[in-house]
Amino acid sequence: MSLLSRLRCITVDVTGTLIAYKGELGDYYCMAAKSVGLPCPDYKRVHQGFKLAYTEMVNKYPCFGFAAKMPNIVWWKTCVRDSFVRAGYEYDEETFEKIFRRIYASFGSSAPYTVFPDSQPFLRWAREKGIKVGIISNAEYRYQDVILPALGLNQGTEWDFGVFSGLEGVEKPDPRIYEIALQRAGNIAPEETLHVGDSMRKDYVPARSVGMNALLLDRFRTPDAEEWRKSGAIVLPDLVAVQELLCSEKSASAC
């Protein structure tokens, strides 16, 4: 029996799988600074500052402050402020508030993201086959409520249910987030589910650990992809190839 004929659910990662960041972090920090009449911060320093600040916030307040009951906007304000400070920029409270509001609004919109052209067709194809489609993402609530819909990836037409770390209090690579997805799909058996992502550590390994089928996308030709293959993972370039793989196991007329 082919995998496609056994599948009742497909879950997908978001960033790197369905969508990608557009431009650089510095672009949005620059626009925010310019909006209050300040010069652009240095791109490299801001990028490095953000990486350090974000890592610290994730470690101290995982899942965007879920356990600490920290409001999403407070989590991001702390992170953005620390990003600037680590990059060597300190602003008075009024100035920072204006800069932060611009940054927060930008990343809560469709502006910084682009949808891969095969994302919507693949998700719709799966749903047309009667397969439930779920989103599993280490993301906050705005991905579900604002960002994905603004990008044309809507619940009800492209996906059926979502499991977002900021709303669940569990994040990848914790296998529990995959167990939540199986429950939300209607307690579908893991062997009847396929997970598609772009990270061996966060997607492939935990999905396989709960018994799900899994494969990885290598959209950006990462050097790690060869190691993924050596580990036994199926690695494909895009969602078109995923659909072709699933269809190749069955008669073409079924696809």
C-alpha atoms as a PDB file:
ATOM      1  CA  MET A   1       0.000   0.000   0.000  1.00  0.00           C
ATOM      2  CA  SER A   2       1.425   3.409  -0.973  1.00  0.00           C
ATOM      3  CA  LEU A   3       2.067   6.142   1.571  1.00  0.00           C
ATOM      4  CA  LEU A   4      -0.417   8.477  -0.121  1.00  0.00           C
ATOM      5  CA  SER A   5      -3.229   5.941   0.193  1.00  0.00           C
ATOM      6  CA  ARG A   6      -2.433   5.562   3.906  1.00  0.00           C
ATOM      7  CA  LEU A   7      -2.170   9.256   4.704  1.00  0.00           C
ATOM      8  CA  ARG A   8      -4.977  10.925   6.613  1.00  0.00           C
ATOM      9  CA  CYS A   9      -3.010  13.979   7.722  1.00  0.00           C
ATOM     10  CA  ILE A  10      -0.064  16.100   6.577  1.00  0.00           C
ATOM     11  CA  THR A  11       1.530  18.582   8.956  1.00  0.00           C
ATOM     12  CA  VAL A  12       3.910  21.286   7.797  1.00  0.00           C
ATOM     13  CA  ASP A  13       6.390  23.672   9.326  1.00  0.00           C
ATOM     14  CA  VAL A  14       6.001  27.354   8.390  1.00  0.00           C
ATOM     15  CA  THR A  15       9.222  29.368   8.087  1.00  0.00           C
ATOM     16  CA  GLY A  16      11.568  27.810   5.545  1.00  0.00           C
ATOM     17  CA  THR A  17       8.854  25.405   4.420  1.00  0.00           C
ATOM     18  CA  LEU A  18       5.833  27.515   3.437  1.00  0.00           C
ATOM     19  CA  ILE A  19       7.212  31.039   3.746  1.00  0.00           C
ATOM     20  CA  ALA A  20      10.559  32.839   3.999  1.00  0.00           C
ATOM     21  CA  TYR A  21      11.795  36.143   5.365  1.00  0.00           C
ATOM     22  CA  LYS A  22      12.070  38.876   2.764  1.00  0.00           C
ATOM     23  CA  GLY A  23      15.058  41.203   2.953  1.00  0.00           C
ATOM     24  CA  GLU A  24      17.204  41.586   6.058  1.00  0.00           C
ATOM     25  CA  LEU A  25      16.394  42.305   9.674  1.00  0.00           C
ATOM     26  CA  GLY A  26      18.339  45.541   9.303  1.00  0.00           C
ATOM     27  CA  ASP A  27      15.924  46.756   6.628  1.00  0.00           C
ATOM     28  CA  TYR A  28      13.048  46.902   9.101  1.00  0.00           C
ATOM     29  CA  TYR A  29      15.126  48.301  11.956  1.00  0.00           C
ATOM     30  CA  CYS A  30      16.456  50.931   9.559  1.00  0.00           C
ATOM     31  CA  MET A  31      12.964  51.953   8.408  1.00  0.00           C
ATOM     32  CA  ALA A  32      11.826  52.185  12.018  1.00  0.00           C
ATOM     33  CA  ALA A  33      14.765  54.416  12.971  1.00  0.00           C
ATOM     34  CA  LYS A  34      14.243  56.609   9.907  1.00  0.00           C
ATOM     35  CA  SER A  35      10.566  57.021  10.778  1.00  0.00           C
ATOM     36  CA  VAL A  36      11.599  59.021  13.870  1.00  0.00           C
ATOM     37  CA  GLY A  37      14.321  60.955  12.079  1.00  0.00           C
ATOM     38  CA  LEU A  38      17.300  58.840  13.153  1.00  0.00           C
ATOM     39  CA  PRO A  39      20.014  57.336  10.943  1.00  0.00           C
ATOM     40  CA  CYS A  40      20.006  53.626  10.097  1.00  0.00           C
ATOM     41  CA  PRO A  41      21.602  51.371  12.698  1.00  0.00           C
ATOM     42  CA  ASP A  42      24.496  49.257  11.452  1.00  0.00           C
ATOM     43  CA  TYR A  43      23.031  46.118   9.847  1.00  0.00           C
ATOM     44  CA  LYS A  44      25.653  43.652  11.074  1.00  0.00           C
ATOM     45  CA  ARG A  45      25.641  44.940  14.642  1.00  0.00           C
ATOM     46  CA  VAL A  46      21.837  44.905  14.809  1.00  0.00           C
ATOM     47  CA  HIS A  47      21.669  41.405  13.346  1.00  0.00           C
ATOM     48  CA  GLN A  48      24.205  40.070  15.831  1.00  0.00           C
ATOM     49  CA  GLY A  49      22.521  41.944  18.686  1.00  0.00           C
ATOM     50  CA  PHE A  50      19.167  40.447  17.735  1.00  0.00           C
ATOM     51  CA  LYS A  51      20.534  36.885  17.583  1.00  0.00           C
ATOM     52  CA  LEU A  52      21.931  37.220  21.107  1.00  0.00           C
ATOM     53  CA  ALA A  53      18.839  38.952  22.499  1.00  0.00           C
ATOM     54  CA  TYR A  54      16.447  36.476  20.895  1.00  0.00           C
ATOM     55  CA  THR A  55      18.403  33.465  22.153  1.00  0.00           C
ATOM     56  CA  GLU A  56      18.367  34.859  25.698  1.00  0.00           C
ATOM     57  CA  MET A  57      14.620  35.535  25.592  1.00  0.00           C
ATOM     58  CA  VAL A  58      13.893  32.050  24.234  1.00  0.00           C
ATOM     59  CA  ASN A  59      15.913  30.520  27.060  1.00  0.00           C
ATOM     60  CA  LYS A  60      14.446  32.716  29.820  1.00  0.00           C
ATOM     61  CA  TYR A  61      10.885  32.958  28.561  1.00  0.00           C
ATOM     62  CA  PRO A  62      10.236  30.095  26.113  1.00  0.00           C
ATOM     63  CA  CYS A  63       7.184  29.967  23.882  1.00  0.00           C
ATOM     64  CA  PHE A  64       7.065  33.766  23.807  1.00  0.00           C
ATOM     65  CA  GLY A  65       6.544  34.002  27.557  1.00  0.00           C
ATOM     66  CA  PHE A  66       3.699  31.475  27.734  1.00  0.00           C
ATOM     67  CA  ALA A  67       4.537  30.025  31.183  1.00  0.00           C
ATOM     68  CA  ALA A  68       5.346  33.461  32.618  1.00  0.00           C
ATOM     69  CA  LYS A  69       2.039  34.799  31.223  1.00  0.00           C
ATOM     70  CA  MET A  70       4.035  37.564  29.578  1.00  0.00           C
ATOM     71  CA  PRO A  71       2.056  39.492  26.955  1.00  0.00           C
ATOM     72  CA  ASN A  72       3.370  38.951  23.444  1.00  0.00           C
ATOM     73  CA  ILE A  73       4.088  42.640  22.949  1.00  0.00           C
ATOM     74  CA  VAL A  74       6.112  42.789  26.192  1.00  0.00           C
ATOM     75  CA  TRP A  75       8.178  39.764  25.128  1.00  0.00           C
ATOM     76  CA  TRP A  76       9.047  41.397  21.821  1.00  0.00           C
ATOM     77  CA  LYS A  77       9.638  44.836  23.342  1.00  0.00           C
ATOM     78  CA  THR A  78      12.188  43.333  25.731  1.00  0.00           C
ATOM     79  CA  CYS A  79      13.851  41.457  22.876  1.00  0.00           C
ATOM     80  CA  VAL A  80      13.996  44.456  20.524  1.00  0.00           C
ATOM     81  CA  ARG A  81      15.291  46.799  23.214  1.00  0.00           C
ATOM     82  CA  ASP A  82      18.042  44.338  24.119  1.00  0.00           C
ATOM     83  CA  SER A  83      18.879  43.908  20.404  1.00  0.00           C
ATOM     84  CA  PHE A  84      19.540  47.632  20.086  1.00  0.00           C
ATOM     85  CA  VAL A  85      21.500  47.813  23.352  1.00  0.00           C
ATOM     86  CA  ARG A  86      23.719  44.887  22.350  1.00  0.00           C
ATOM     87  CA  ALA A  87      24.299  46.602  19.005  1.00  0.00           C
ATOM     88  CA  GLY A  88      25.394  49.775  20.809  1.00  0.00           C
ATOM     89  CA  TYR A  89      22.213  51.847  20.448  1.00  0.00           C
ATOM     90  CA  GLU A  90      20.318  53.215  23.428  1.00  0.00           C
ATOM     91  CA  TYR A  91      17.308  55.463  22.941  1.00  0.00           C
ATOM     92  CA  ASP A  92      15.192  57.408  25.403  1.00  0.00           C
ATOM     93  CA  GLU A  93      11.885  55.767  26.269  1.00  0.00           C
ATOM     94  CA  GLU A  94       9.727  57.928  24.005  1.00  0.00           C
ATOM     95  CA  THR A  95      11.997  57.408  20.989  1.00  0.00           C
ATOM     96  CA  PHE A  96      12.328  53.686  21.588  1.00  0.00           C
ATOM     97  CA  GLU A  97       8.560  53.304  21.923  1.00  0.00           C
ATOM     98  CA  LYS A  98       8.036  54.866  18.493  1.00  0.00           C
ATOM     99  CA  ILE A  99      10.751  52.719  16.913  1.00  0.00           C
ATOM    100  CA  PHE A 100       9.469  49.555  18.566  1.00  0.00           C
ATOM    101  CA  ARG A 101       5.861  50.145  17.508  1.00  0.00           C
ATOM    102  CA  ARG A 102       6.988  50.405  13.881  1.00  0.00           C
ATOM    103  CA  ILE A 103       9.029  47.177  14.136  1.00  0.00           C
ATOM    104  CA  TYR A 104       6.268  45.289  15.946  1.00  0.00           C
ATOM    105  CA  ALA A 105       3.688  46.357  13.381  1.00  0.00           C
ATOM    106  CA  SER A 106       5.957  45.399  10.471  1.00  0.00           C
ATOM    107  CA  PHE A 107       6.599  41.876  11.728  1.00  0.00           C
ATOM    108  CA  GLY A 108       2.930  41.450  12.567  1.00  0.00           C
ATOM    109  CA  SER A 109       2.027  42.063   8.924  1.00  0.00           C
ATOM    110  CA  SER A 110       2.763  40.291   5.639  1.00  0.00           C
ATOM    111  CA  ALA A 111       5.496  42.821   4.758  1.00  0.00           C
ATOM    112  CA  PRO A 112       8.625  40.884   5.871  1.00  0.00           C
ATOM    113  CA  TYR A 113       7.548  37.540   4.409  1.00  0.00           C
ATOM    114  CA  THR A 114       7.191  35.884   1.048  1.00  0.00           C
ATOM    115  CA  VAL A 115       5.215  32.723   0.266  1.00  0.00           C
ATOM    116  CA  PHE A 116       6.927  30.030  -1.787  1.00  0.00           C
ATOM    117  CA  PRO A 117       4.945  29.629  -5.017  1.00  0.00           C
ATOM    118  CA  ASP A 118       4.322  25.925  -4.405  1.00  0.00           C
ATOM    119  CA  SER A 119       2.917  26.362  -0.872  1.00  0.00           C
ATOM    120  CA  GLN A 120      -0.705  27.195  -1.572  1.00  0.00           C
ATOM    121  CA  PRO A 121      -1.089  24.669  -4.434  1.00  0.00           C
ATOM    122  CA  PHE A 122       0.395  21.861  -2.324  1.00  0.00           C
ATOM    123  CA  LEU A 123      -1.802  22.556   0.698  1.00  0.00           C
ATOM    124  CA  ARG A 124      -4.926  22.774  -1.449  1.00  0.00           C
ATOM    125  CA  TRP A 125      -3.994  19.599  -3.306  1.00  0.00           C
ATOM    126  CA  ALA A 126      -3.643  17.711  -0.017  1.00  0.00           C
ATOM    127  CA  ARG A 127      -7.008  18.939   1.271  1.00  0.00           C
ATOM    128  CA  GLU A 128      -8.674  18.068  -2.051  1.00  0.00           C
ATOM    129  CA  LYS A 129      -7.406  14.523  -1.524  1.00  0.00           C
ATOM    130  CA  GLY A 130      -9.335  14.426   1.738  1.00  0.00           C
ATOM    131  CA  ILE A 131      -6.140  14.742   3.799  1.00  0.00           C
ATOM    132  CA  LYS A 132      -6.250  16.955   6.879  1.00  0.00           C
ATOM    133  CA  VAL A 133      -3.566  19.645   6.831  1.00  0.00           C
ATOM    134  CA  GLY A 134      -2.024  21.003  10.028  1.00  0.00           C
ATOM    135  CA  ILE A 135       0.504  23.721  10.763  1.00  0.00           C
ATOM    136  CA  ILE A 136       3.172  23.082  13.426  1.00  0.00           C
ATOM    137  CA  SER A 137       5.304  26.127  14.145  1.00  0.00           C
ATOM    138  CA  ASN A 138       7.465  27.703  16.816  1.00  0.00           C
ATOM    139  CA  ALA A 139       5.597  30.951  16.368  1.00  0.00           C
ATOM    140  CA  GLU A 140       3.382  33.357  18.269  1.00  0.00           C
ATOM    141  CA  TYR A 141      -0.319  33.949  17.814  1.00  0.00           C
ATOM    142  CA  ARG A 142       0.039  36.541  15.038  1.00  0.00           C
ATOM    143  CA  TYR A 143       1.160  33.835  12.608  1.00  0.00           C
ATOM    144  CA  GLN A 144      -2.217  32.139  13.019  1.00  0.00           C
ATOM    145  CA  ASP A 145      -4.428  35.208  13.312  1.00  0.00           C
ATOM    146  CA  VAL A 146      -2.748  37.759  11.036  1.00  0.00           C
ATOM    147  CA  ILE A 147       0.375  36.779   9.106  1.00  0.00           C
ATOM    148  CA  LEU A 148      -0.636  33.527   7.401  1.00  0.00           C
ATOM    149  CA  PRO A 149      -4.079  34.856   6.366  1.00  0.00           C
ATOM    150  CA  ALA A 150      -2.456  38.057   5.053  1.00  0.00           C
ATOM    151  CA  LEU A 151      -0.189  35.862   2.910  1.00  0.00           C
ATOM    152  CA  GLY A 152      -3.135  33.955   1.458  1.00  0.00           C
ATOM    153  CA  LEU A 153      -2.667  30.847   3.610  1.00  0.00           C
ATOM    154  CA  ASN A 154      -6.028  30.603   5.312  1.00  0.00           C
ATOM    155  CA  GLN A 155      -7.489  28.170   7.766  1.00  0.00           C
ATOM    156  CA  GLY A 156     -10.313  26.396   5.995  1.00  0.00           C
ATOM    157  CA  THR A 157      -8.898  26.657   2.476  1.00  0.00           C
ATOM    158  CA  GLU A 158      -5.168  25.886   2.866  1.00  0.00           C
ATOM    159  CA  TRP A 159      -5.011  24.298   6.322  1.00  0.00           C
ATOM    160  CA  ASP A 160      -7.377  22.756   8.852  1.00  0.00           C
ATOM    161  CA  PHE A 161      -5.707  23.263  12.220  1.00  0.00           C
ATOM    162  CA  GLY A 162      -2.656  24.908  13.726  1.00  0.00           C
ATOM    163  CA  VAL A 163      -0.323  24.161  16.623  1.00  0.00           C
ATOM    164  CA  PHE A 164       1.690  27.284  17.458  1.00  0.00           C
ATOM    165  CA  SER A 165       4.200  27.250  20.314  1.00  0.00           C
ATOM    166  CA  GLY A 166       3.158  30.672  21.622  1.00  0.00           C
ATOM    167  CA  LEU A 167      -0.405  29.425  22.068  1.00  0.00           C
ATOM    168  CA  GLU A 168       0.409  25.911  23.331  1.00  0.00           C
ATOM    169  CA  GLY A 169       3.346  26.492  25.678  1.00  0.00           C
ATOM    170  CA  VAL A 170       5.277  23.695  23.953  1.00  0.00           C
ATOM    171  CA  GLU A 171       7.798  24.182  21.182  1.00  0.00           C
ATOM    172  CA  LYS A 172       9.798  22.100  18.748  1.00  0.00           C
ATOM    173  CA  PRO A 173      11.827  19.920  19.145  1.00  0.00           C
ATOM    174  CA  ASP A 174       9.684  18.772  22.086  1.00  0.00           C
ATOM    175  CA  PRO A 175       7.785  15.728  20.729  1.00  0.00           C
ATOM    176  CA  ARG A 176       4.720  16.824  22.697  1.00  0.00           C
ATOM    177  CA  ILE A 177       3.940  19.468  20.085  1.00  0.00           C
ATOM    178  CA  TYR A 178       3.580  16.662  17.525  1.00  0.00           C
ATOM    179  CA  GLU A 179       1.361  14.687  19.882  1.00  0.00           C
ATOM    180  CA  ILE A 180      -0.849  17.768  20.256  1.00  0.00           C
ATOM    181  CA  ALA A 181      -1.089  17.951  16.454  1.00  0.00           C
ATOM    182  CA  LEU A 182      -2.195  14.315  16.220  1.00  0.00           C
ATOM    183  CA  GLN A 183      -4.881  14.930  18.839  1.00  0.00           C
ATOM    184  CA  ARG A 184      -6.054  18.093  17.084  1.00  0.00           C
ATOM    185  CA  ALA A 185      -6.272  16.218  13.799  1.00  0.00           C
ATOM    186  CA  GLY A 186      -8.819  13.918  15.445  1.00  0.00           C
ATOM    187  CA  ASN A 187      -6.518  11.411  17.158  1.00  0.00           C
ATOM    188  CA  ILE A 188      -5.199  10.247  13.816  1.00  0.00           C
ATOM    189  CA  ALA A 189      -2.580   7.513  14.130  1.00  0.00           C
ATOM    190  CA  PRO A 190       1.011   8.762  13.705  1.00  0.00           C
ATOM    191  CA  GLU A 191       1.701   6.227  10.931  1.00  0.00           C
ATOM    192  CA  GLU A 192      -1.143   7.847   8.965  1.00  0.00           C
ATOM    193  CA  THR A 193       0.532  11.258   9.203  1.00  0.00           C
ATOM    194  CA  LEU A 194       3.389  12.880   7.277  1.00  0.00           C
ATOM    195  CA  HIS A 195       5.324  15.847   8.649  1.00  0.00           C
ATOM    196  CA  VAL A 196       7.206  18.140   6.270  1.00  0.00           C
ATOM    197  CA  GLY A 197       9.789  20.592   7.641  1.00  0.00           C
ATOM    198  CA  ASP A 198      13.246  21.997   7.074  1.00  0.00           C
ATOM    199  CA  SER A 199      15.090  21.075  10.290  1.00  0.00           C
ATOM    200  CA  MET A 200      16.491  17.674  11.229  1.00  0.00           C
ATOM    201  CA  ARG A 201      16.505  18.602  14.939  1.00  0.00           C
ATOM    202  CA  LYS A 202      13.159  20.402  15.176  1.00  0.00           C
ATOM    203  CA  ASP A 203      11.108  18.639  12.528  1.00  0.00           C
ATOM    204  CA  TYR A 204      12.370  15.240  11.401  1.00  0.00           C
ATOM    205  CA  VAL A 205      13.709  13.691  14.614  1.00  0.00           C
ATOM    206  CA  PRO A 206      10.811  14.608  16.966  1.00  0.00           C
ATOM    207  CA  ALA A 207       8.150  13.741  14.370  1.00  0.00           C
ATOM    208  CA  ARG A 208       9.741  10.324  13.810  1.00  0.00           C
ATOM    209  CA  SER A 209      10.067   9.812  17.565  1.00  0.00           C
ATOM    210  CA  VAL A 210       6.273   9.799  17.949  1.00  0.00           C
ATOM    211  CA  GLY A 211       5.852   7.431  14.983  1.00  0.00           C
ATOM    212  CA  MET A 212       4.991   9.910  12.239  1.00  0.00           C
ATOM    213  CA  ASN A 213       6.347   9.704   8.707  1.00  0.00           C
ATOM    214  CA  ALA A 214       8.621  12.661   7.951  1.00  0.00           C
ATOM    215  CA  LEU A 215      10.719  14.242   5.251  1.00  0.00           C
ATOM    216  CA  LEU A 216      12.789  17.390   4.913  1.00  0.00           C
ATOM    217  CA  LEU A 217      12.892  20.257   2.435  1.00  0.00           C
ATOM    218  CA  ASP A 218      16.200  21.739   1.369  1.00  0.00           C
ATOM    219  CA  ARG A 219      14.995  24.901  -0.356  1.00  0.00           C
ATOM    220  CA  PHE A 220      18.259  26.788   0.179  1.00  0.00           C
ATOM    221  CA  ARG A 221      20.760  24.004  -0.520  1.00  0.00           C
ATOM    222  CA  THR A 222      22.112  23.863   2.998  1.00  0.00           C
ATOM    223  CA  PRO A 223      25.422  21.999   3.515  1.00  0.00           C
ATOM    224  CA  ASP A 224      23.654  19.961   6.220  1.00  0.00           C
ATOM    225  CA  ALA A 225      21.396  18.277   3.672  1.00  0.00           C
ATOM    226  CA  GLU A 226      23.971  15.624   2.799  1.00  0.00           C
ATOM    227  CA  GLU A 227      24.222  14.620   6.455  1.00  0.00           C
ATOM    228  CA  TRP A 228      20.424  14.461   6.629  1.00  0.00           C
ATOM    229  CA  ARG A 229      20.426  12.013   3.723  1.00  0.00           C
ATOM    230  CA  LYS A 230      23.171   9.920   5.324  1.00  0.00           C
ATOM    231  CA  SER A 231      20.997   9.735   8.439  1.00  0.00           C
ATOM    232  CA  GLY A 232      18.276   8.131   6.358  1.00  0.00           C
ATOM    233  CA  ALA A 233      15.992  11.119   5.820  1.00  0.00           C
ATOM    234  CA  ILE A 234      14.227  11.795   2.539  1.00  0.00           C
ATOM    235  CA  VAL A 235      15.361  15.270   1.472  1.00  0.00           C
ATOM    236  CA  LEU A 236      13.570  17.083  -1.351  1.00  0.00           C
ATOM    237  CA  PRO A 237      14.026  20.547  -2.910  1.00  0.00           C
ATOM    238  CA  ASP A 238      10.440  21.786  -2.634  1.00  0.00           C
ATOM    239  CA  LEU A 239       6.783  20.894  -2.163  1.00  0.00           C
ATOM    240  CA  VAL A 240       6.371  20.125  -5.864  1.00  0.00           C
ATOM    241  CA  ALA A 241       8.829  17.275  -5.343  1.00  0.00           C
ATOM    242  CA  VAL A 242       6.897  16.120  -2.262  1.00  0.00           C
ATOM    243  CA  GLN A 243       3.687  15.925  -4.288  1.00  0.00           C
ATOM    244  CA  GLU A 244       5.494  14.115  -7.103  1.00  0.00           C
ATOM    245  CA  LEU A 245       6.933  11.597  -4.639  1.00  0.00           C
ATOM    246  CA  LEU A 246       3.530  10.873  -3.141  1.00  0.00           C
ATOM    247  CA  CYS A 247       1.922  10.610  -6.577  1.00  0.00           C
ATOM    248  CA  SER A 248       4.695   8.376  -7.962  1.00  0.00           C
ATOM    249  CA  GLU A 249       3.699   5.687  -5.492  1.00  0.00           C
ATOM    250  CA  LYS A 250       0.226   5.577  -6.942  1.00  0.00           C
ATOM    251  CA  SER A 251      -1.291   5.831 -10.392  1.00  0.00           C
ATOM    252  CA  ALA A 252      -0.899   9.272 -11.965  1.00  0.00           C
ATOM    253  CA  SER A 253      -4.670   9.444 -12.425  1.00  0.00           C
ATOM    254  CA  ALA A 254      -5.086   9.615  -8.661  1.00  0.00           C
ATOM    255  CA  CYS A 255      -3.129  12.865  -8.555  1.00  0.00           C
END
